[in-house]
Amino acid sequence: MKIIINNSSQQPIYEQIVEQIKSLIIARELREHTMLPSVRGLSKELRISALTVKKAYDRLEEEGFVTTVHGKGSFVASTNQELLMEEHRKEVEADLEVAVRRARICGMKDEEIRELFDLIMEDE
């Protein structure tokens, strides 16, 4: 599992881990019941505190992406399709917000943005 920590980011390290693991699960690069690296193992690999990894795993468990079995480790939870779809929607919504903001900065009016969106939808 490839996790990249950006030390210059304003986002806390545990949140970076959470987001990257969620992305891997959503993209199905991490499948149901796949064992995640141990807290110690990932903390050594990333050269960060084990408490930071533990916090990330706890958050993933709270959000339903991971289950932890005491003494066994953390595993990708059985996929909840609604949860995955909601995560996809959030990502698409964020991408669209960025695109609309960019279009407005370029001076495009809402009607022009809608026409462009409709044109793109027709092509897909």
N, C-alpha and C. Protein backbone atom coordinates (compact mmCIF):
# COMPACT_ATOMS: atom_id res chain seq x y z
N MET A 1 0.86 -1.18 0.00
CA MET A 1 0.00 0.00 0.00
C MET A 1 0.90 1.23 0.00
N LYS A 2 0.66 2.10 -0.94
CA LYS A 2 1.50 3.29 -1.11
C LYS A 2 0.78 4.51 -0.52
N ILE A 3 1.33 5.04 0.57
CA ILE A 3 0.82 6.25 1.20
C ILE A 3 1.91 7.30 1.11
N ILE A 4 1.55 8.48 0.65
CA ILE A 4 2.52 9.57 0.54
C ILE A 4 2.11 10.68 1.50
N ILE A 5 3.02 11.03 2.39
CA ILE A 5 2.77 12.09 3.36
C ILE A 5 3.40 13.38 2.85
N ASN A 6 2.60 14.43 2.85
CA ASN A 6 3.08 15.76 2.46
C ASN A 6 3.28 16.57 3.74
N ASN A 7 4.53 16.69 4.17
CA ASN A 7 4.82 17.39 5.42
C ASN A 7 4.58 18.89 5.33
N SER A 8 4.49 19.43 4.13
CA SER A 8 4.26 20.87 3.99
C SER A 8 2.77 21.20 3.87
N SER A 9 1.92 20.16 3.89
CA SER A 9 0.48 20.36 3.79
C SER A 9 -0.09 20.90 5.10
N GLN A 10 -1.14 21.68 4.98
CA GLN A 10 -1.86 22.17 6.16
C GLN A 10 -2.73 21.06 6.77
N GLN A 11 -3.00 20.03 5.97
CA GLN A 11 -3.84 18.92 6.42
C GLN A 11 -3.05 18.03 7.38
N PRO A 12 -3.62 17.72 8.54
CA PRO A 12 -2.93 16.83 9.49
C PRO A 12 -2.56 15.50 8.84
N ILE A 13 -1.47 14.91 9.31
CA ILE A 13 -0.97 13.67 8.73
C ILE A 13 -2.00 12.55 8.82
N TYR A 14 -2.68 12.43 9.95
CA TYR A 14 -3.66 11.34 10.08
C TYR A 14 -4.77 11.49 9.04
N GLU A 15 -5.17 12.75 8.73
CA GLU A 15 -6.20 12.98 7.72
C GLU A 15 -5.69 12.61 6.33
N GLN A 16 -4.41 12.87 6.07
CA GLN A 16 -3.83 12.48 4.78
C GLN A 16 -3.90 10.97 4.62
N ILE A 17 -3.60 10.25 5.69
CA ILE A 17 -3.65 8.78 5.66
C ILE A 17 -5.08 8.32 5.42
N VAL A 18 -6.03 8.89 6.16
CA VAL A 18 -7.44 8.53 6.01
C VAL A 18 -7.90 8.74 4.57
N GLU A 19 -7.63 9.91 4.01
CA GLU A 19 -8.07 10.23 2.65
C GLU A 19 -7.47 9.28 1.63
N GLN A 20 -6.19 8.97 1.78
CA GLN A 20 -5.54 8.09 0.80
C GLN A 20 -6.05 6.66 0.89
N ILE A 21 -6.27 6.16 2.10
CA ILE A 21 -6.80 4.80 2.24
C ILE A 21 -8.24 4.75 1.72
N LYS A 22 -9.05 5.77 2.03
CA LYS A 22 -10.41 5.82 1.51
C LYS A 22 -10.40 5.81 -0.02
N SER A 23 -9.50 6.58 -0.61
CA SER A 23 -9.40 6.63 -2.07
C SER A 23 -9.04 5.26 -2.64
N LEU A 24 -8.13 4.56 -1.98
CA LEU A 24 -7.75 3.21 -2.43
C LEU A 24 -8.93 2.24 -2.33
N ILE A 25 -9.73 2.38 -1.28
CA ILE A 25 -10.90 1.52 -1.11
C ILE A 25 -11.95 1.85 -2.16
N ILE A 26 -12.22 3.13 -2.35
CA ILE A 26 -13.23 3.56 -3.33
C ILE A 26 -12.83 3.13 -4.74
N ALA A 27 -11.54 3.24 -5.05
CA ALA A 27 -11.04 2.84 -6.37
C ALA A 27 -10.91 1.32 -6.48
N ARG A 28 -11.24 0.62 -5.41
CA ARG A 28 -11.17 -0.84 -5.34
C ARG A 28 -9.75 -1.38 -5.52
N GLU A 29 -8.78 -0.54 -5.20
CA GLU A 29 -7.40 -1.01 -5.18
C GLU A 29 -7.14 -1.78 -3.89
N LEU A 30 -7.92 -1.47 -2.87
CA LEU A 30 -7.94 -2.25 -1.63
C LEU A 30 -9.32 -2.90 -1.57
N ARG A 31 -9.36 -4.20 -1.61
CA ARG A 31 -10.63 -4.93 -1.66
C ARG A 31 -11.11 -5.33 -0.26
N GLU A 32 -12.38 -5.72 -0.21
CA GLU A 32 -12.97 -6.19 1.05
C GLU A 32 -12.08 -7.21 1.73
N HIS A 33 -11.99 -7.10 3.03
CA HIS A 33 -11.28 -8.06 3.88
C HIS A 33 -9.76 -8.05 3.71
N THR A 34 -9.24 -7.12 2.91
CA THR A 34 -7.79 -7.00 2.77
C THR A 34 -7.22 -6.46 4.07
N MET A 35 -6.17 -7.08 4.55
CA MET A 35 -5.55 -6.63 5.79
C MET A 35 -4.70 -5.39 5.52
N LEU A 36 -4.89 -4.37 6.35
CA LEU A 36 -4.06 -3.17 6.26
C LEU A 36 -2.75 -3.43 6.98
N PRO A 37 -1.72 -2.66 6.66
CA PRO A 37 -0.46 -2.82 7.41
C PRO A 37 -0.72 -2.58 8.90
N SER A 38 0.08 -3.21 9.73
CA SER A 38 -0.07 -2.99 11.17
C SER A 38 0.22 -1.53 11.49
N VAL A 39 -0.29 -1.09 12.62
CA VAL A 39 -0.05 0.30 13.05
C VAL A 39 1.45 0.55 13.15
N ARG A 40 2.15 -0.38 13.79
CA ARG A 40 3.61 -0.22 13.92
C ARG A 40 4.31 -0.25 12.57
N GLY A 41 3.89 -1.19 11.73
CA GLY A 41 4.52 -1.32 10.42
C GLY A 41 4.37 -0.07 9.56
N LEU A 42 3.15 0.47 9.52
CA LEU A 42 2.91 1.66 8.71
C LEU A 42 3.61 2.88 9.31
N SER A 43 3.63 2.95 10.65
CA SER A 43 4.31 4.09 11.27
C SER A 43 5.81 4.06 10.99
N LYS A 44 6.40 2.86 10.99
CA LYS A 44 7.83 2.74 10.65
C LYS A 44 8.07 3.12 9.19
N GLU A 45 7.21 2.59 8.31
CA GLU A 45 7.35 2.86 6.88
C GLU A 45 7.25 4.36 6.58
N LEU A 46 6.30 5.03 7.25
CA LEU A 46 6.09 6.46 7.00
C LEU A 46 6.95 7.36 7.89
N ARG A 47 7.63 6.73 8.85
CA ARG A 47 8.47 7.47 9.81
C ARG A 47 7.66 8.51 10.59
N ILE A 48 6.53 8.03 11.12
CA ILE A 48 5.66 8.88 11.93
C ILE A 48 5.28 8.10 13.19
N SER A 49 4.63 8.78 14.10
CA SER A 49 4.22 8.16 15.35
C SER A 49 3.15 7.10 15.11
N ALA A 50 3.24 6.01 15.88
CA ALA A 50 2.22 4.97 15.81
C ALA A 50 0.86 5.52 16.23
N LEU A 51 0.85 6.52 17.11
CA LEU A 51 -0.41 7.13 17.54
C LEU A 51 -1.12 7.82 16.38
N THR A 52 -0.35 8.38 15.46
CA THR A 52 -0.93 9.04 14.29
C THR A 52 -1.62 8.02 13.39
N VAL A 53 -0.97 6.88 13.17
CA VAL A 53 -1.57 5.82 12.36
C VAL A 53 -2.80 5.26 13.06
N LYS A 54 -2.70 5.06 14.37
CA LYS A 54 -3.84 4.55 15.15
C LYS A 54 -5.03 5.48 15.02
N LYS A 55 -4.78 6.79 15.09
CA LYS A 55 -5.85 7.78 14.96
C LYS A 55 -6.50 7.67 13.58
N ALA A 56 -5.69 7.49 12.54
CA ALA A 56 -6.21 7.34 11.17
C ALA A 56 -7.07 6.08 11.06
N TYR A 57 -6.58 4.97 11.58
CA TYR A 57 -7.32 3.71 11.52
C TYR A 57 -8.63 3.82 12.31
N ASP A 58 -8.58 4.48 13.47
CA ASP A 58 -9.80 4.67 14.27
C ASP A 58 -10.83 5.48 13.48
N ARG A 59 -10.37 6.52 12.80
CA ARG A 59 -11.28 7.36 12.01
C ARG A 59 -11.89 6.54 10.87
N LEU A 60 -11.07 5.74 10.20
CA LEU A 60 -11.57 4.88 9.12
C LEU A 60 -12.61 3.89 9.64
N GLU A 61 -12.39 3.40 10.85
CA GLU A 61 -13.35 2.47 11.44
C GLU A 61 -14.65 3.19 11.77
N GLU A 62 -14.55 4.40 12.34
CA GLU A 62 -15.74 5.20 12.65
C GLU A 62 -16.57 5.47 11.40
N GLU A 63 -15.89 5.67 10.27
CA GLU A 63 -16.58 5.99 9.02
C GLU A 63 -17.03 4.75 8.26
N GLY A 64 -16.73 3.56 8.80
CA GLY A 64 -17.22 2.33 8.21
C GLY A 64 -16.37 1.74 7.09
N PHE A 65 -15.16 2.26 6.93
CA PHE A 65 -14.30 1.75 5.86
C PHE A 65 -13.42 0.59 6.31
N VAL A 66 -13.20 0.48 7.61
CA VAL A 66 -12.27 -0.50 8.16
C VAL A 66 -12.90 -1.15 9.38
N THR A 67 -12.59 -2.42 9.59
CA THR A 67 -12.94 -3.09 10.84
C THR A 67 -11.64 -3.55 11.49
N THR A 68 -11.60 -3.46 12.80
CA THR A 68 -10.41 -3.87 13.54
C THR A 68 -10.76 -5.05 14.42
N VAL A 69 -9.95 -6.08 14.35
CA VAL A 69 -10.12 -7.26 15.19
C VAL A 69 -8.94 -7.27 16.15
N HIS A 70 -9.23 -7.14 17.44
CA HIS A 70 -8.17 -7.06 18.44
C HIS A 70 -7.26 -8.28 18.33
N GLY A 71 -5.97 -8.02 18.25
CA GLY A 71 -4.99 -9.09 18.15
C GLY A 71 -4.76 -9.61 16.73
N LYS A 72 -5.61 -9.21 15.79
CA LYS A 72 -5.49 -9.68 14.41
C LYS A 72 -5.09 -8.56 13.45
N GLY A 73 -5.63 -7.37 13.67
CA GLY A 73 -5.30 -6.24 12.80
C GLY A 73 -6.53 -5.54 12.25
N SER A 74 -6.28 -4.65 11.31
CA SER A 74 -7.35 -3.87 10.67
C SER A 74 -7.54 -4.36 9.24
N PHE A 75 -8.80 -4.46 8.85
CA PHE A 75 -9.16 -4.99 7.54
C PHE A 75 -10.14 -4.06 6.85
N VAL A 76 -10.10 -4.06 5.52
CA VAL A 76 -11.08 -3.29 4.75
C VAL A 76 -12.45 -3.91 5.03
N ALA A 77 -13.39 -3.07 5.41
CA ALA A 77 -14.73 -3.54 5.76
C ALA A 77 -15.47 -4.02 4.51
N SER A 78 -16.50 -4.83 4.74
CA SER A 78 -17.36 -5.23 3.63
C SER A 78 -17.92 -3.96 3.00
N THR A 79 -17.89 -3.91 1.69
CA THR A 79 -18.27 -2.68 1.02
C THR A 79 -19.73 -2.34 1.24
N ASN A 80 -19.92 -1.13 1.65
CA ASN A 80 -21.24 -0.57 1.77
C ASN A 80 -21.41 0.30 0.52
N GLN A 81 -22.17 -0.18 -0.45
CA GLN A 81 -22.29 0.50 -1.73
C GLN A 81 -22.81 1.94 -1.59
N GLU A 82 -23.73 2.15 -0.65
CA GLU A 82 -24.25 3.51 -0.44
C GLU A 82 -23.14 4.42 0.06
N LEU A 83 -22.33 3.92 0.96
CA LEU A 83 -21.22 4.71 1.50
C LEU A 83 -20.23 5.05 0.39
N LEU A 84 -19.91 4.07 -0.44
CA LEU A 84 -18.98 4.32 -1.54
C LEU A 84 -19.56 5.33 -2.53
N MET A 85 -20.84 5.19 -2.85
CA MET A 85 -21.47 6.14 -3.78
C MET A 85 -21.48 7.55 -3.21
N GLU A 86 -21.72 7.68 -1.92
CA GLU A 86 -21.71 9.01 -1.28
C GLU A 86 -20.32 9.62 -1.36
N GLU A 87 -19.30 8.81 -1.16
CA GLU A 87 -17.93 9.32 -1.27
C GLU A 87 -17.62 9.76 -2.70
N HIS A 88 -18.08 8.97 -3.67
CA HIS A 88 -17.90 9.35 -5.08
C HIS A 88 -18.60 10.67 -5.36
N ARG A 89 -19.83 10.81 -4.87
CA ARG A 89 -20.59 12.05 -5.08
C ARG A 89 -19.86 13.25 -4.49
N LYS A 90 -19.32 13.08 -3.30
CA LYS A 90 -18.59 14.18 -2.66
C LYS A 90 -17.39 14.60 -3.50
N GLU A 91 -16.67 13.62 -4.04
CA GLU A 91 -15.51 13.93 -4.87
C GLU A 91 -15.92 14.65 -6.15
N VAL A 92 -16.99 14.18 -6.79
CA VAL A 92 -17.46 14.82 -8.02
C VAL A 92 -17.95 16.23 -7.72
N GLU A 93 -18.68 16.38 -6.63
CA GLU A 93 -19.17 17.71 -6.24
C GLU A 93 -18.01 18.67 -6.02
N ALA A 94 -16.98 18.22 -5.34
CA ALA A 94 -15.81 19.07 -5.09
C ALA A 94 -15.13 19.44 -6.41
N ASP A 95 -15.02 18.48 -7.33
CA ASP A 95 -14.41 18.77 -8.64
C ASP A 95 -15.24 19.79 -9.41
N LEU A 96 -16.56 19.63 -9.37
CA LEU A 96 -17.43 20.58 -10.07
C LEU A 96 -17.34 21.98 -9.47
N GLU A 97 -17.27 22.06 -8.14
CA GLU A 97 -17.13 23.36 -7.49
C GLU A 97 -15.86 24.06 -7.94
N VAL A 98 -14.78 23.31 -8.04
CA VAL A 98 -13.50 23.88 -8.51
C VAL A 98 -13.65 24.37 -9.95
N ALA A 99 -14.29 23.56 -10.79
CA ALA A 99 -14.46 23.93 -12.20
C ALA A 99 -15.32 25.19 -12.34
N VAL A 100 -16.41 25.28 -11.59
CA VAL A 100 -17.28 26.46 -11.65
C VAL A 100 -16.53 27.69 -11.16
N ARG A 101 -15.80 27.54 -10.06
CA ARG A 101 -15.01 28.67 -9.53
C ARG A 101 -14.01 29.16 -10.58
N ARG A 102 -13.34 28.22 -11.22
CA ARG A 102 -12.35 28.54 -12.24
C ARG A 102 -13.01 29.26 -13.43
N ALA A 103 -14.18 28.77 -13.84
CA ALA A 103 -14.90 29.39 -14.96
C ALA A 103 -15.30 30.82 -14.61
N ARG A 104 -15.77 31.03 -13.39
CA ARG A 104 -16.17 32.39 -12.98
C ARG A 104 -14.97 33.33 -12.91
N ILE A 105 -13.83 32.80 -12.46
CA ILE A 105 -12.61 33.61 -12.42
C ILE A 105 -12.24 34.04 -13.84
N CYS A 106 -12.50 33.18 -14.81
CA CYS A 106 -12.21 33.49 -16.22
C CYS A 106 -13.26 34.43 -16.82
N GLY A 107 -14.28 34.77 -16.04
CA GLY A 107 -15.29 35.71 -16.51
C GLY A 107 -16.50 35.08 -17.17
N MET A 108 -16.62 33.77 -17.09
CA MET A 108 -17.78 33.11 -17.70
C MET A 108 -19.02 33.35 -16.85
N LYS A 109 -20.14 33.55 -17.54
CA LYS A 109 -21.43 33.71 -16.86
C LYS A 109 -22.03 32.32 -16.60
N ASP A 110 -22.98 32.28 -15.66
CA ASP A 110 -23.59 30.99 -15.30
C ASP A 110 -24.18 30.28 -16.51
N GLU A 111 -24.83 31.03 -17.39
CA GLU A 111 -25.45 30.42 -18.57
C GLU A 111 -24.39 29.78 -19.47
N GLU A 112 -23.25 30.43 -19.61
CA GLU A 112 -22.15 29.88 -20.41
C GLU A 112 -21.62 28.59 -19.78
N ILE A 113 -21.52 28.61 -18.47
CA ILE A 113 -21.04 27.42 -17.75
C ILE A 113 -22.01 26.26 -17.96
N ARG A 114 -23.32 26.55 -17.85
CA ARG A 114 -24.33 25.50 -18.05
C ARG A 114 -24.26 24.94 -19.48
N GLU A 115 -24.12 25.85 -20.46
CA GLU A 115 -24.04 25.41 -21.86
C GLU A 115 -22.81 24.52 -22.07
N LEU A 116 -21.70 24.91 -21.47
CA LEU A 116 -20.48 24.11 -21.59
C LEU A 116 -20.66 22.74 -20.93
N PHE A 117 -21.30 22.74 -19.77
CA PHE A 117 -21.57 21.48 -19.07
C PHE A 117 -22.46 20.58 -19.93
N ASP A 118 -23.53 21.16 -20.49
CA ASP A 118 -24.43 20.39 -21.35
C ASP A 118 -23.69 19.82 -22.56
N LEU A 119 -22.82 20.63 -23.15
CA LEU A 119 -22.03 20.19 -24.30
C LEU A 119 -21.14 19.00 -23.93
N ILE A 120 -20.50 19.10 -22.78
CA ILE A 120 -19.64 18.01 -22.31
C ILE A 120 -20.47 16.75 -22.06
N MET A 121 -21.64 16.92 -21.47
CA MET A 121 -22.51 15.77 -21.19
C MET A 121 -22.96 15.09 -22.48
N GLU A 122 -23.22 15.88 -23.52
CA GLU A 122 -23.62 15.30 -24.81
C GLU A 122 -22.50 14.47 -25.41
N ASP A 123 -21.27 14.94 -25.24
CA ASP A 123 -20.11 14.24 -25.81
C ASP A 123 -19.80 12.94 -25.08
N GLU A 124 -20.18 12.86 -23.85
CA GLU A 124 -19.89 11.65 -23.07
C GLU A 124 -20.94 10.67 -23.37
